[in-house]
Amino acid sequence: MCLAVPGKIVSIHEDDPPEIRRAKADFGGIQREVCLAYTPEARLGDYILVHVGFALSVVDEAEAQRIFDTIREMDEMAQAGEDESP
C-alpha cells in the first residue's frame, strides 16, 4: 500500500530547472525537501500530496485537512488497539 501525505509549500528553489524543481514543504511542523517536477503548477503556500519525496498533485486546504484528520483517526484506532492487547 502506498501513502501520499499532504504538506504545505513553504519555500521554492527558484533557481532550479523545471525538470528538477524543488521546494521545502511543511508536514505538521516537520519540513522536508520535495521534488515538484510532477506538479509544475504548484506555488508557494499550496498544499501538495507527497509520496517518497515527490509531489504528485496539488490539493486544496480542505482536502489536506480531511487527510490529516483521517491519518489522526487511524493513529488513534491503532493506539486503542494496542491498549486493549493483553
N, C-alpha and C. Protein backbone atom coordinates (compact mmCIF):
# COMPACT_ATOMS: atom_id res chain seq x y z
N MET A 1 0.85 -1.18 0.00
CA MET A 1 0.00 0.00 0.00
C MET A 1 0.89 1.24 0.00
N CYS A 2 0.55 2.21 -0.80
CA CYS A 2 1.29 3.47 -0.87
C CYS A 2 0.51 4.54 -0.12
N LEU A 3 1.25 5.46 0.44
CA LEU A 3 0.62 6.55 1.18
C LEU A 3 1.23 7.86 0.74
N ALA A 4 0.38 8.78 0.31
CA ALA A 4 0.82 10.14 -0.01
C ALA A 4 0.35 11.04 1.12
N VAL A 5 1.24 11.87 1.60
CA VAL A 5 0.96 12.72 2.76
C VAL A 5 0.90 14.17 2.31
N PRO A 6 -0.08 14.94 2.80
CA PRO A 6 -0.14 16.35 2.42
C PRO A 6 0.90 17.18 3.16
N GLY A 7 1.45 18.13 2.43
CA GLY A 7 2.37 19.10 3.01
C GLY A 7 2.11 20.45 2.40
N LYS A 8 2.51 21.50 3.10
CA LYS A 8 2.32 22.87 2.61
C LYS A 8 3.66 23.41 2.14
N ILE A 9 3.70 23.94 0.93
CA ILE A 9 4.93 24.50 0.39
C ILE A 9 5.27 25.79 1.13
N VAL A 10 6.46 25.81 1.75
CA VAL A 10 6.89 26.99 2.50
C VAL A 10 8.01 27.76 1.79
N SER A 11 8.68 27.11 0.84
CA SER A 11 9.67 27.82 0.02
C SER A 11 9.91 27.00 -1.24
N ILE A 12 10.29 27.70 -2.30
CA ILE A 12 10.58 27.06 -3.58
C ILE A 12 11.96 27.51 -4.03
N HIS A 13 12.76 26.55 -4.51
CA HIS A 13 14.08 26.86 -5.05
C HIS A 13 13.88 27.40 -6.48
N GLU A 14 13.86 28.70 -6.59
CA GLU A 14 13.54 29.34 -7.87
C GLU A 14 14.62 29.15 -8.94
N ASP A 15 15.84 28.83 -8.53
CA ASP A 15 16.92 28.69 -9.50
C ASP A 15 17.02 27.30 -10.12
N ASP A 16 16.17 26.36 -9.71
CA ASP A 16 16.18 25.00 -10.25
C ASP A 16 15.56 24.97 -11.65
N PRO A 17 16.11 24.15 -12.55
CA PRO A 17 15.44 23.95 -13.84
C PRO A 17 14.11 23.19 -13.62
N PRO A 18 13.12 23.36 -14.49
CA PRO A 18 11.79 22.77 -14.30
C PRO A 18 11.80 21.26 -14.05
N GLU A 19 12.71 20.53 -14.69
CA GLU A 19 12.71 19.07 -14.55
C GLU A 19 13.19 18.59 -13.18
N ILE A 20 13.82 19.47 -12.41
CA ILE A 20 14.22 19.09 -11.04
C ILE A 20 13.80 20.15 -10.03
N ARG A 21 12.71 20.83 -10.31
CA ARG A 21 12.21 21.89 -9.44
C ARG A 21 11.96 21.33 -8.03
N ARG A 22 12.48 22.03 -7.02
CA ARG A 22 12.38 21.57 -5.64
C ARG A 22 11.75 22.63 -4.75
N ALA A 23 11.23 22.15 -3.62
CA ALA A 23 10.63 23.05 -2.64
C ALA A 23 10.84 22.47 -1.26
N LYS A 24 10.61 23.29 -0.26
CA LYS A 24 10.56 22.82 1.12
C LYS A 24 9.09 22.81 1.50
N ALA A 25 8.63 21.68 2.05
CA ALA A 25 7.24 21.54 2.46
C ALA A 25 7.18 21.23 3.94
N ASP A 26 6.12 21.74 4.57
CA ASP A 26 5.90 21.53 5.99
C ASP A 26 4.85 20.44 6.18
N PHE A 27 5.23 19.42 6.96
CA PHE A 27 4.35 18.30 7.26
C PHE A 27 4.06 18.31 8.76
N GLY A 28 3.15 19.16 9.19
CA GLY A 28 2.79 19.23 10.60
C GLY A 28 3.95 19.61 11.50
N GLY A 29 4.77 20.54 11.06
CA GLY A 29 5.90 21.00 11.86
C GLY A 29 7.24 20.43 11.45
N ILE A 30 7.24 19.41 10.63
CA ILE A 30 8.49 18.83 10.11
C ILE A 30 8.63 19.27 8.67
N GLN A 31 9.77 19.88 8.35
CA GLN A 31 9.98 20.37 6.99
C GLN A 31 10.95 19.46 6.25
N ARG A 32 10.58 19.16 5.02
CA ARG A 32 11.39 18.29 4.16
C ARG A 32 11.45 18.88 2.76
N GLU A 33 12.53 18.55 2.09
CA GLU A 33 12.68 18.94 0.69
C GLU A 33 11.91 17.95 -0.18
N VAL A 34 11.18 18.47 -1.17
CA VAL A 34 10.40 17.64 -2.07
C VAL A 34 10.65 18.07 -3.51
N CYS A 35 10.41 17.15 -4.43
CA CYS A 35 10.55 17.44 -5.85
C CYS A 35 9.20 17.85 -6.42
N LEU A 36 9.19 18.94 -7.17
CA LEU A 36 7.94 19.45 -7.77
C LEU A 36 7.88 19.19 -9.28
N ALA A 37 8.73 18.33 -9.79
CA ALA A 37 8.78 18.09 -11.24
C ALA A 37 7.44 17.63 -11.80
N TYR A 38 6.66 16.85 -11.02
CA TYR A 38 5.37 16.35 -11.49
C TYR A 38 4.23 17.33 -11.26
N THR A 39 4.50 18.42 -10.57
CA THR A 39 3.46 19.42 -10.26
C THR A 39 3.97 20.82 -10.61
N PRO A 40 4.15 21.09 -11.90
CA PRO A 40 4.67 22.40 -12.30
C PRO A 40 3.75 23.56 -11.91
N GLU A 41 2.48 23.25 -11.63
CA GLU A 41 1.52 24.30 -11.25
C GLU A 41 1.61 24.68 -9.78
N ALA A 42 2.37 23.93 -8.99
CA ALA A 42 2.47 24.18 -7.54
C ALA A 42 3.15 25.52 -7.27
N ARG A 43 2.56 26.25 -6.31
CA ARG A 43 3.06 27.57 -5.94
C ARG A 43 3.26 27.66 -4.42
N LEU A 44 3.97 28.66 -4.00
CA LEU A 44 4.21 28.91 -2.58
C LEU A 44 2.86 28.99 -1.85
N GLY A 45 2.74 28.26 -0.74
CA GLY A 45 1.51 28.25 0.04
C GLY A 45 0.54 27.15 -0.35
N ASP A 46 0.75 26.49 -1.48
CA ASP A 46 -0.12 25.39 -1.91
C ASP A 46 0.10 24.16 -1.04
N TYR A 47 -0.95 23.33 -0.95
CA TYR A 47 -0.83 22.02 -0.33
C TYR A 47 -0.61 21.00 -1.44
N ILE A 48 0.31 20.08 -1.20
CA ILE A 48 0.65 19.06 -2.18
C ILE A 48 0.59 17.69 -1.52
N LEU A 49 0.27 16.67 -2.30
CA LEU A 49 0.35 15.30 -1.81
C LEU A 49 1.71 14.75 -2.21
N VAL A 50 2.46 14.25 -1.23
CA VAL A 50 3.85 13.82 -1.45
C VAL A 50 3.99 12.34 -1.14
N HIS A 51 4.63 11.64 -2.06
CA HIS A 51 4.97 10.22 -1.87
C HIS A 51 6.44 10.05 -2.20
N VAL A 52 7.18 9.47 -1.30
CA VAL A 52 8.64 9.25 -1.41
C VAL A 52 9.39 10.47 -1.95
N GLY A 53 9.03 11.64 -1.48
CA GLY A 53 9.75 12.85 -1.82
C GLY A 53 9.29 13.56 -3.08
N PHE A 54 8.27 13.02 -3.75
CA PHE A 54 7.76 13.63 -4.98
C PHE A 54 6.34 14.13 -4.76
N ALA A 55 6.11 15.39 -5.10
CA ALA A 55 4.75 15.93 -5.06
C ALA A 55 3.99 15.36 -6.25
N LEU A 56 2.88 14.68 -5.96
CA LEU A 56 2.11 14.03 -7.01
C LEU A 56 0.94 14.86 -7.50
N SER A 57 0.40 15.71 -6.62
CA SER A 57 -0.71 16.57 -7.01
C SER A 57 -0.85 17.72 -6.02
N VAL A 58 -1.52 18.76 -6.49
CA VAL A 58 -1.84 19.91 -5.65
C VAL A 58 -3.27 19.70 -5.17
N VAL A 59 -3.51 19.91 -3.86
CA VAL A 59 -4.85 19.77 -3.29
C VAL A 59 -5.20 21.05 -2.55
N ASP A 60 -6.49 21.28 -2.37
CA ASP A 60 -6.88 22.47 -1.61
C ASP A 60 -6.72 22.21 -0.12
N GLU A 61 -6.78 23.27 0.66
CA GLU A 61 -6.54 23.17 2.10
C GLU A 61 -7.57 22.27 2.79
N ALA A 62 -8.82 22.32 2.34
CA ALA A 62 -9.87 21.48 2.94
C ALA A 62 -9.57 20.00 2.74
N GLU A 63 -9.12 19.63 1.54
CA GLU A 63 -8.77 18.23 1.27
C GLU A 63 -7.58 17.81 2.11
N ALA A 64 -6.57 18.67 2.23
CA ALA A 64 -5.41 18.37 3.07
C ALA A 64 -5.85 18.13 4.51
N GLN A 65 -6.76 18.96 5.00
CA GLN A 65 -7.24 18.81 6.38
C GLN A 65 -8.00 17.49 6.56
N ARG A 66 -8.81 17.10 5.56
CA ARG A 66 -9.52 15.82 5.64
C ARG A 66 -8.52 14.66 5.73
N ILE A 67 -7.44 14.75 4.98
CA ILE A 67 -6.43 13.69 5.01
C ILE A 67 -5.74 13.68 6.38
N PHE A 68 -5.38 14.86 6.92
CA PHE A 68 -4.78 14.93 8.25
C PHE A 68 -5.70 14.30 9.28
N ASP A 69 -7.00 14.60 9.21
CA ASP A 69 -7.98 14.06 10.16
C ASP A 69 -8.06 12.54 10.06
N THR A 70 -8.05 12.01 8.84
CA THR A 70 -8.11 10.56 8.64
C THR A 70 -6.87 9.88 9.20
N ILE A 71 -5.70 10.45 8.96
CA ILE A 71 -4.47 9.88 9.49
C ILE A 71 -4.50 9.90 11.02
N ARG A 72 -4.97 10.99 11.59
CA ARG A 72 -5.07 11.09 13.06
C ARG A 72 -6.02 10.02 13.61
N GLU A 73 -7.16 9.83 12.94
CA GLU A 73 -8.12 8.81 13.38
C GLU A 73 -7.51 7.41 13.29
N MET A 74 -6.77 7.14 12.23
CA MET A 74 -6.12 5.84 12.09
C MET A 74 -5.12 5.61 13.22
N ASP A 75 -4.38 6.65 13.57
CA ASP A 75 -3.41 6.55 14.66
C ASP A 75 -4.12 6.28 15.98
N GLU A 76 -5.22 6.98 16.23
CA GLU A 76 -5.98 6.79 17.47
C GLU A 76 -6.55 5.37 17.55
N MET A 77 -7.03 4.85 16.42
CA MET A 77 -7.55 3.48 16.42
C MET A 77 -6.44 2.48 16.68
N ALA A 78 -5.28 2.71 16.10
CA ALA A 78 -4.14 1.81 16.32
C ALA A 78 -3.72 1.84 17.78
N GLN A 79 -3.68 3.02 18.38
CA GLN A 79 -3.30 3.13 19.79
C GLN A 79 -4.34 2.46 20.68
N ALA A 80 -5.62 2.61 20.36
CA ALA A 80 -6.67 1.97 21.14
C ALA A 80 -6.54 0.45 21.07
N GLY A 81 -6.19 -0.05 19.90
CA GLY A 81 -5.98 -1.49 19.73
C GLY A 81 -4.81 -2.00 20.55
N GLU A 82 -3.75 -1.20 20.64
CA GLU A 82 -2.58 -1.57 21.45
C GLU A 82 -2.93 -1.57 22.92
N ASP A 83 -3.77 -0.63 23.35
CA ASP A 83 -4.17 -0.54 24.76
C ASP A 83 -5.01 -1.74 25.18
N GLU A 84 -5.76 -2.30 24.23
CA GLU A 84 -6.63 -3.44 24.53
C GLU A 84 -5.90 -4.78 24.46
N SER A 85 -4.69 -4.80 23.91
CA SER A 85 -3.94 -6.06 23.80
C SER A 85 -3.53 -6.55 25.18
N PRO A 86 -3.55 -7.90 25.37
CA PRO A 86 -3.16 -8.46 26.67
C PRO A 86 -1.69 -8.28 26.97
